[in-house]
Amino acid sequence: MHQLVTPAQVELDERQRRLLRLRHELARIGVRTRIRRPRNGRWKITLRSARWSETVLCAGAEGAYAYVTVHGRLLGPADDVRHVAQVLVWMVDRKHR
């Protein structure tokens, strides 16, 4: 049997791919992360430090994707992974102090 791939599934797969790219960049820097897929199907990454955590989602559609926090802070375009990773590390470290 052939499975039909819906546009919504294609977007979820693209968001997951971009989050995995961000996770790889954060791991390269040395940040502990956890990636998971909640029941609603939207993948998210959680960064942890001693006293603070930040959760990041990939939002967007039709080729325009960006990283945002769960609280709605726009971190940057999904094409600029290194900059977004550095911003996240700065955010988590600053809340720690």
C-alpha atoms as a PDB file:
ATOM      1  CA  MET A   1       0.000   0.000   0.000  1.00  0.00           C
ATOM      2  CA  HIS A   2       1.076   3.522  -0.705  1.00  0.00           C
ATOM      3  CA  GLN A   3       0.847   6.147   1.968  1.00  0.00           C
ATOM      4  CA  LEU A   4      -0.290   9.587   0.995  1.00  0.00           C
ATOM      5  CA  VAL A   5       2.007  12.323   2.254  1.00  0.00           C
ATOM      6  CA  THR A   6       0.068  15.390   3.253  1.00  0.00           C
ATOM      7  CA  PRO A   7       1.492  18.922   3.133  1.00  0.00           C
ATOM      8  CA  ALA A   8       1.154  19.091   6.913  1.00  0.00           C
ATOM      9  CA  GLN A   9       3.327  15.990   7.281  1.00  0.00           C
ATOM     10  CA  VAL A  10       5.933  17.471   4.942  1.00  0.00           C
ATOM     11  CA  GLU A  11       6.070  20.619   7.099  1.00  0.00           C
ATOM     12  CA  LEU A  12       6.414  18.602  10.319  1.00  0.00           C
ATOM     13  CA  ASP A  13       9.245  16.590   8.764  1.00  0.00           C
ATOM     14  CA  GLU A  14      11.025  19.796   7.686  1.00  0.00           C
ATOM     15  CA  ARG A  15      10.680  21.290  11.162  1.00  0.00           C
ATOM     16  CA  GLN A  16      12.092  18.115  12.690  1.00  0.00           C
ATOM     17  CA  ARG A  17      15.036  18.172  10.274  1.00  0.00           C
ATOM     18  CA  ARG A  18      15.821  21.782  11.162  1.00  0.00           C
ATOM     19  CA  LEU A  19      15.560  21.113  14.899  1.00  0.00           C
ATOM     20  CA  LEU A  20      17.941  18.181  14.548  1.00  0.00           C
ATOM     21  CA  ARG A  21      20.357  20.539  12.787  1.00  0.00           C
ATOM     22  CA  LEU A  22      20.104  22.980  15.711  1.00  0.00           C
ATOM     23  CA  ARG A  23      20.601  20.141  18.181  1.00  0.00           C
ATOM     24  CA  HIS A  24      23.740  19.053  16.347  1.00  0.00           C
ATOM     25  CA  GLU A  25      25.115  22.603  16.524  1.00  0.00           C
ATOM     26  CA  LEU A  26      24.322  22.859  20.250  1.00  0.00           C
ATOM     27  CA  ALA A  27      26.019  19.510  20.883  1.00  0.00           C
ATOM     28  CA  ARG A  28      29.071  20.769  19.004  1.00  0.00           C
ATOM     29  CA  ILE A  29      29.229  23.719  21.410  1.00  0.00           C
ATOM     30  CA  GLY A  30      28.795  21.372  24.388  1.00  0.00           C
ATOM     31  CA  VAL A  31      25.230  22.124  25.501  1.00  0.00           C
ATOM     32  CA  ARG A  32      23.022  19.399  26.955  1.00  0.00           C
ATOM     33  CA  THR A  33      19.803  19.073  24.975  1.00  0.00           C
ATOM     34  CA  ARG A  34      16.785  16.877  24.797  1.00  0.00           C
ATOM     35  CA  ILE A  35      14.587  16.580  21.726  1.00  0.00           C
ATOM     36  CA  ARG A  36      11.105  15.149  21.816  1.00  0.00           C
ATOM     37  CA  ARG A  37       7.851  14.969  19.929  1.00  0.00           C
ATOM     38  CA  PRO A  38       4.802  15.753  22.055  1.00  0.00           C
ATOM     39  CA  ARG A  39       1.373  14.389  21.226  1.00  0.00           C
ATOM     40  CA  ASN A  40       0.536  17.359  19.000  1.00  0.00           C
ATOM     41  CA  GLY A  41       3.354  16.331  16.658  1.00  0.00           C
ATOM     42  CA  ARG A  42       5.454  19.500  17.023  1.00  0.00           C
ATOM     43  CA  TRP A  43       9.075  18.654  17.780  1.00  0.00           C
ATOM     44  CA  LYS A  44      10.897  20.707  20.408  1.00  0.00           C
ATOM     45  CA  ILE A  45      14.340  20.963  21.963  1.00  0.00           C
ATOM     46  CA  THR A  46      14.957  21.661  25.631  1.00  0.00           C
ATOM     47  CA  LEU A  47      18.267  23.141  26.825  1.00  0.00           C
ATOM     48  CA  ARG A  48      19.180  22.809  30.477  1.00  0.00           C
ATOM     49  CA  SER A  49      21.637  24.450  32.810  1.00  0.00           C
ATOM     50  CA  ALA A  50      21.914  24.185  36.575  1.00  0.00           C
ATOM     51  CA  ARG A  51      18.905  26.381  37.332  1.00  0.00           C
ATOM     52  CA  TRP A  52      17.281  27.278  34.012  1.00  0.00           C
ATOM     53  CA  SER A  53      15.879  25.618  30.921  1.00  0.00           C
ATOM     54  CA  GLU A  54      14.707  26.965  27.583  1.00  0.00           C
ATOM     55  CA  THR A  55      12.461  25.197  25.068  1.00  0.00           C
ATOM     56  CA  VAL A  56      12.746  25.899  21.336  1.00  0.00           C
ATOM     57  CA  LEU A  57      10.414  25.097  18.458  1.00  0.00           C
ATOM     58  CA  CYS A  58      10.760  25.480  14.714  1.00  0.00           C
ATOM     59  CA  ALA A  59       7.904  27.533  13.283  1.00  0.00           C
ATOM     60  CA  GLY A  60       6.939  28.516   9.780  1.00  0.00           C
ATOM     61  CA  ALA A  61       5.710  27.064   6.528  1.00  0.00           C
ATOM     62  CA  GLU A  62       6.303  27.046   2.790  1.00  0.00           C
ATOM     63  CA  GLY A  63      10.061  27.388   2.979  1.00  0.00           C
ATOM     64  CA  ALA A  64      10.220  30.189   5.566  1.00  0.00           C
ATOM     65  CA  TYR A  65      11.192  28.701   8.925  1.00  0.00           C
ATOM     66  CA  ALA A  66      12.448  30.291  12.136  1.00  0.00           C
ATOM     67  CA  TYR A  67      13.380  29.198  15.641  1.00  0.00           C
ATOM     68  CA  VAL A  68      11.157  30.478  18.451  1.00  0.00           C
ATOM     69  CA  THR A  69      10.918  29.813  22.178  1.00  0.00           C
ATOM     70  CA  VAL A  70       7.766  28.410  23.714  1.00  0.00           C
ATOM     71  CA  HIS A  71       7.078  31.887  25.105  1.00  0.00           C
ATOM     72  CA  GLY A  72       7.084  33.387  21.610  1.00  0.00           C
ATOM     73  CA  ARG A  73      10.552  34.967  21.428  1.00  0.00           C
ATOM     74  CA  LEU A  74      11.850  34.897  17.882  1.00  0.00           C
ATOM     75  CA  LEU A  75      15.454  33.671  17.906  1.00  0.00           C
ATOM     76  CA  GLY A  76      16.295  33.904  14.216  1.00  0.00           C
ATOM     77  CA  PRO A  77      15.860  32.284  10.834  1.00  0.00           C
ATOM     78  CA  ALA A  78      16.338  28.530  10.579  1.00  0.00           C
ATOM     79  CA  ASP A  79      19.132  29.039   8.041  1.00  0.00           C
ATOM     80  CA  ASP A  80      21.320  30.784  10.641  1.00  0.00           C
ATOM     81  CA  VAL A  81      21.831  27.833  13.007  1.00  0.00           C
ATOM     82  CA  ARG A  82      25.153  28.915  14.541  1.00  0.00           C
ATOM     83  CA  HIS A  83      23.877  32.343  15.518  1.00  0.00           C
ATOM     84  CA  VAL A  84      20.694  30.886  17.042  1.00  0.00           C
ATOM     85  CA  ALA A  85      22.756  28.354  19.028  1.00  0.00           C
ATOM     86  CA  GLN A  86      24.946  31.149  20.419  1.00  0.00           C
ATOM     87  CA  VAL A  87      21.873  33.218  21.346  1.00  0.00           C
ATOM     88  CA  LEU A  88      20.378  30.235  23.177  1.00  0.00           C
ATOM     89  CA  VAL A  89      23.574  29.613  25.117  1.00  0.00           C
ATOM     90  CA  TRP A  90      23.676  33.287  26.064  1.00  0.00           C
ATOM     91  CA  MET A  91      20.027  33.193  27.186  1.00  0.00           C
ATOM     92  CA  VAL A  92      20.477  30.110  29.347  1.00  0.00           C
ATOM     93  CA  ASP A  93      23.740  31.397  30.872  1.00  0.00           C
ATOM     94  CA  ARG A  94      22.281  34.799  31.614  1.00  0.00           C
ATOM     95  CA  LYS A  95      19.261  33.358  33.439  1.00  0.00           C
ATOM     96  CA  HIS A  96      21.664  31.187  35.429  1.00  0.00           C
ATOM     97  CA  ARG A  97      23.547  34.161  36.896  1.00  0.00           C
END
